[in-house]
Structure formats: C-alpha cells, structure tokens
Amino acid sequence: MNKRGAKVLLVRGKGYALVKRNKIGPLISTDFGVAEKLLKQDINMGMNTIIVPEANIRALELVKNMDLNLSLLATECA
C-alpha cells in the first residue's frame, strides 16, 4: 500500500491492477486469463467498480462477459 491508500495486485511479469477506494483501475495484463485472475482477486478484496477507457473495447467486453458483480465506469480518452 502506498501513502495514499492504493494497493497494487501483481502477477509477476504478466500484469497488475491498481485498487483504491473500492475501485479497480488501471488493470494491465498480457492476456485475458491474467486479467480474469486479477479481477477475481479484486472482487474478493471488496472492490465493486472497474474503470475502463471506453476505447478499450476488448476490456469492456471481458468485464461484461465475466458476469461479475462490478459497476463499470467507462471513461473517455482525450
């Protein structure tokens, strides 16, 4: 945990997810399997919202298709 209360979940060499105040994002991974693993860990920690750039169609589809109990916050890309 850093001094601002954020935590980083890590799959060494394959991906990570930043979590803070019940929100996930960014989540970076080498493949969908790693992303799913990180998302499931995040949910087990009590996270309930994921932040995804709306331009990242594959990530939006992954979250929707996993049928997780997560709120999806799609953000605009500048």
C-alpha atoms as a PDB file:
ATOM      1  CA  MET A   1       0.000   0.000   0.000  1.00  0.00           C
ATOM      2  CA  ASN A   2       1.309   3.456  -0.797  1.00  0.00           C
ATOM      3  CA  LYS A   3       0.855   6.553   1.349  1.00  0.00           C
ATOM      4  CA  ARG A   4      -2.404   7.393  -0.442  1.00  0.00           C
ATOM      5  CA  GLY A   5      -4.021   4.046   0.375  1.00  0.00           C
ATOM      6  CA  ALA A   6      -3.748   2.423  -3.051  1.00  0.00           C
ATOM      7  CA  LYS A   7      -2.723  -1.215  -3.436  1.00  0.00           C
ATOM      8  CA  VAL A   8      -1.194  -2.997  -6.392  1.00  0.00           C
ATOM      9  CA  LEU A   9      -2.045  -6.614  -7.153  1.00  0.00           C
ATOM     10  CA  LEU A  10       0.650  -8.218  -9.241  1.00  0.00           C
ATOM     11  CA  VAL A  11       1.022 -11.288 -11.422  1.00  0.00           C
ATOM     12  CA  ARG A  12       4.767 -11.043 -11.886  1.00  0.00           C
ATOM     13  CA  GLY A  13       5.721 -10.346 -15.481  1.00  0.00           C
ATOM     14  CA  LYS A  14       2.132 -10.718 -16.696  1.00  0.00           C
ATOM     15  CA  GLY A  15       0.016  -7.941 -15.245  1.00  0.00           C
ATOM     16  CA  TYR A  16      -1.116  -5.751 -12.397  1.00  0.00           C
ATOM     17  CA  ALA A  17      -4.156  -3.950 -11.069  1.00  0.00           C
ATOM     18  CA  LEU A  18      -4.243  -0.773  -9.013  1.00  0.00           C
ATOM     19  CA  VAL A  19      -7.041  -0.716  -6.438  1.00  0.00           C
ATOM     20  CA  LYS A  20      -8.193   2.167  -4.269  1.00  0.00           C
ATOM     21  CA  ARG A  21     -11.440   3.115  -2.554  1.00  0.00           C
ATOM     22  CA  ASN A  22     -13.355   0.095  -3.904  1.00  0.00           C
ATOM     23  CA  LYS A  23     -12.274   0.880  -7.485  1.00  0.00           C
ATOM     24  CA  ILE A  24     -10.076  -1.084  -9.884  1.00  0.00           C
ATOM     25  CA  GLY A  25      -8.022   0.714 -12.480  1.00  0.00           C
ATOM     26  CA  PRO A  26      -5.867   0.632 -14.313  1.00  0.00           C
ATOM     27  CA  LEU A  27      -5.643  -3.091 -14.883  1.00  0.00           C
ATOM     28  CA  ILE A  28      -2.880  -4.061 -17.304  1.00  0.00           C
ATOM     29  CA  SER A  29      -2.315  -7.661 -18.413  1.00  0.00           C
ATOM     30  CA  THR A  30      -0.700  -9.738 -21.112  1.00  0.00           C
ATOM     31  CA  ASP A  31      -3.850 -11.790 -21.763  1.00  0.00           C
ATOM     32  CA  PHE A  32      -7.465 -12.338 -20.723  1.00  0.00           C
ATOM     33  CA  GLY A  33      -6.595 -15.165 -18.308  1.00  0.00           C
ATOM     34  CA  VAL A  34      -4.367 -12.881 -16.264  1.00  0.00           C
ATOM     35  CA  ALA A  35      -6.997 -10.123 -16.366  1.00  0.00           C
ATOM     36  CA  GLU A  36      -9.652 -12.547 -15.087  1.00  0.00           C
ATOM     37  CA  LYS A  37      -7.386 -13.685 -12.257  1.00  0.00           C
ATOM     38  CA  LEU A  38      -6.706 -10.098 -11.202  1.00  0.00           C
ATOM     39  CA  LEU A  39     -10.395  -9.150 -11.400  1.00  0.00           C
ATOM     40  CA  LYS A  40     -11.410 -12.103  -9.234  1.00  0.00           C
ATOM     41  CA  GLN A  41      -8.766 -11.165  -6.643  1.00  0.00           C
ATOM     42  CA  ASP A  42     -10.003  -7.570  -6.676  1.00  0.00           C
ATOM     43  CA  ILE A  43     -13.601  -8.647  -6.080  1.00  0.00           C
ATOM     44  CA  ASN A  44     -12.516 -10.896  -3.207  1.00  0.00           C
ATOM     45  CA  MET A  45     -10.904  -7.793  -1.662  1.00  0.00           C
ATOM     46  CA  GLY A  46     -14.240  -5.946  -1.810  1.00  0.00           C
ATOM     47  CA  MET A  47     -13.730  -3.870  -4.938  1.00  0.00           C
ATOM     48  CA  ASN A  48     -17.001  -3.090  -6.693  1.00  0.00           C
ATOM     49  CA  THR A  49     -16.180  -0.735  -9.592  1.00  0.00           C
ATOM     50  CA  ILE A  50     -13.769  -1.020 -12.504  1.00  0.00           C
ATOM     51  CA  ILE A  51     -12.562   1.964 -14.512  1.00  0.00           C
ATOM     52  CA  VAL A  52     -12.034   1.170 -18.210  1.00  0.00           C
ATOM     53  CA  PRO A  53     -11.283   3.559 -21.085  1.00  0.00           C
ATOM     54  CA  GLU A  54     -14.278   3.394 -23.446  1.00  0.00           C
ATOM     55  CA  ALA A  55     -11.856   2.987 -26.359  1.00  0.00           C
ATOM     56  CA  ASN A  56     -10.716  -0.368 -24.933  1.00  0.00           C
ATOM     57  CA  ILE A  57     -13.497  -2.469 -26.457  1.00  0.00           C
ATOM     58  CA  ARG A  58     -11.861  -5.804 -25.552  1.00  0.00           C
ATOM     59  CA  ALA A  59     -11.643  -4.845 -21.869  1.00  0.00           C
ATOM     60  CA  LEU A  60     -15.259  -3.674 -21.816  1.00  0.00           C
ATOM     61  CA  GLU A  61     -16.371  -6.963 -23.388  1.00  0.00           C
ATOM     62  CA  LEU A  62     -14.286  -9.003 -20.938  1.00  0.00           C
ATOM     63  CA  VAL A  63     -15.856  -7.323 -17.916  1.00  0.00           C
ATOM     64  CA  LYS A  64     -19.376  -7.691 -19.315  1.00  0.00           C
ATOM     65  CA  ASN A  65     -18.860 -11.337 -20.351  1.00  0.00           C
ATOM     66  CA  MET A  66     -17.415 -12.384 -16.981  1.00  0.00           C
ATOM     67  CA  ASP A  67     -20.800 -11.560 -15.414  1.00  0.00           C
ATOM     68  CA  LEU A  68     -19.164 -10.162 -12.305  1.00  0.00           C
ATOM     69  CA  ASN A  69     -20.960  -8.053  -9.779  1.00  0.00           C
ATOM     70  CA  LEU A  70     -18.985  -4.951 -10.778  1.00  0.00           C
ATOM     71  CA  SER A  71     -20.077  -1.470 -11.720  1.00  0.00           C
ATOM     72  CA  LEU A  72     -18.425  -0.402 -14.955  1.00  0.00           C
ATOM     73  CA  LEU A  73     -17.143   3.149 -15.238  1.00  0.00           C
ATOM     74  CA  ALA A  74     -16.209   3.786 -18.874  1.00  0.00           C
ATOM     75  CA  THR A  75     -14.019   6.861 -19.250  1.00  0.00           C
ATOM     76  CA  GLU A  76     -13.414   8.998 -22.310  1.00  0.00           C
ATOM     77  CA  CYS A  77      -9.963   9.115 -23.820  1.00  0.00           C
ATOM     78  CA  ALA A  78      -8.597  12.545 -24.592  1.00  0.00           C
END
